[in-house]
């Protein structure tokens, strides 16, 4: 479908649909939604707080929105005390304001403990149904717990600050092994080149003996348009490799596994939240039997 044939984006309808899903219980998302005619390419951006990933996501969105409709979903941490979230990522994406091809929405992480947000697969499906060509997903940014981001996107960019030596050591056996592209941000700072060299060394070690995609290490800066263009080109290279190598189908299956697991986790939590005090006095076997019976009874309706 060409841009001339595609209907204009109904931002109000999309906003209402996303809000409804963001607030929905797991039991309300059990039925599949409307199937989309196409699937948007998904680009994930993750990294520790303070790396500049929100600004980088905004700059990348400006470049890639020239090709079609692009959505940005930014996830902010929910306070374990108040349950609220600042949702400040949009503040750092002011350059995107007014762009007809870009839609930005922030979400609180809510009960998700993996750097994502509740009902994220359903939110992404809704973006597909509204005809987006690409979606940039910016995660909370808390480190290794964000492995789940790997399953939800086609290409995962790990953003690192130029002085992240200790952070890299802590991450080495975690998210460092699943990133598709490394972006050493704020490259105008002196330690950036040294940091990039260290990342390349780690990549060489972790990729030894494998045949396939070797994650590139890009020096980026929000003020350097050439570095941003290079990052976008590497995203294109990786998306093309996914399709040619057959990896795209494998990642789609992992995505479905995550969706089912999160649904079951949230449904279980809903049942436990409603349980009476006397329930927890029962033997464990009886507790499990009651929970299974409750899930089966509710979800069969």
Foldseek 3Di string as FASTA:
>chain_A
DDPVPADAFPVVVLVVVLVCLQPDFLLVPPDDDDFFPDAAAEEEEAAAPPLCRLLLVLLLCVVVLVVAAEEEEEEAEADPVPRHGPQCSVVSNVVCPPDRRYHYDYHYQRPDPQQHHPSVVVSSRSVRNSPGRYYYYYGHHDAQSNPVVLLVHLAYEYGAELPCPVNCVVRLPGVLLRHQEYEHEPLVDVSNVVSLVVSLVSQCVSCPPHDARRYYYFYYYSVDVVSSVVVSVSVVVSVVRCVVVVVVVVSNVVNVVVVVVSSVVSLLVVVVVPDDPVLVVDPPVVNVVVSVVVVVVSSVD
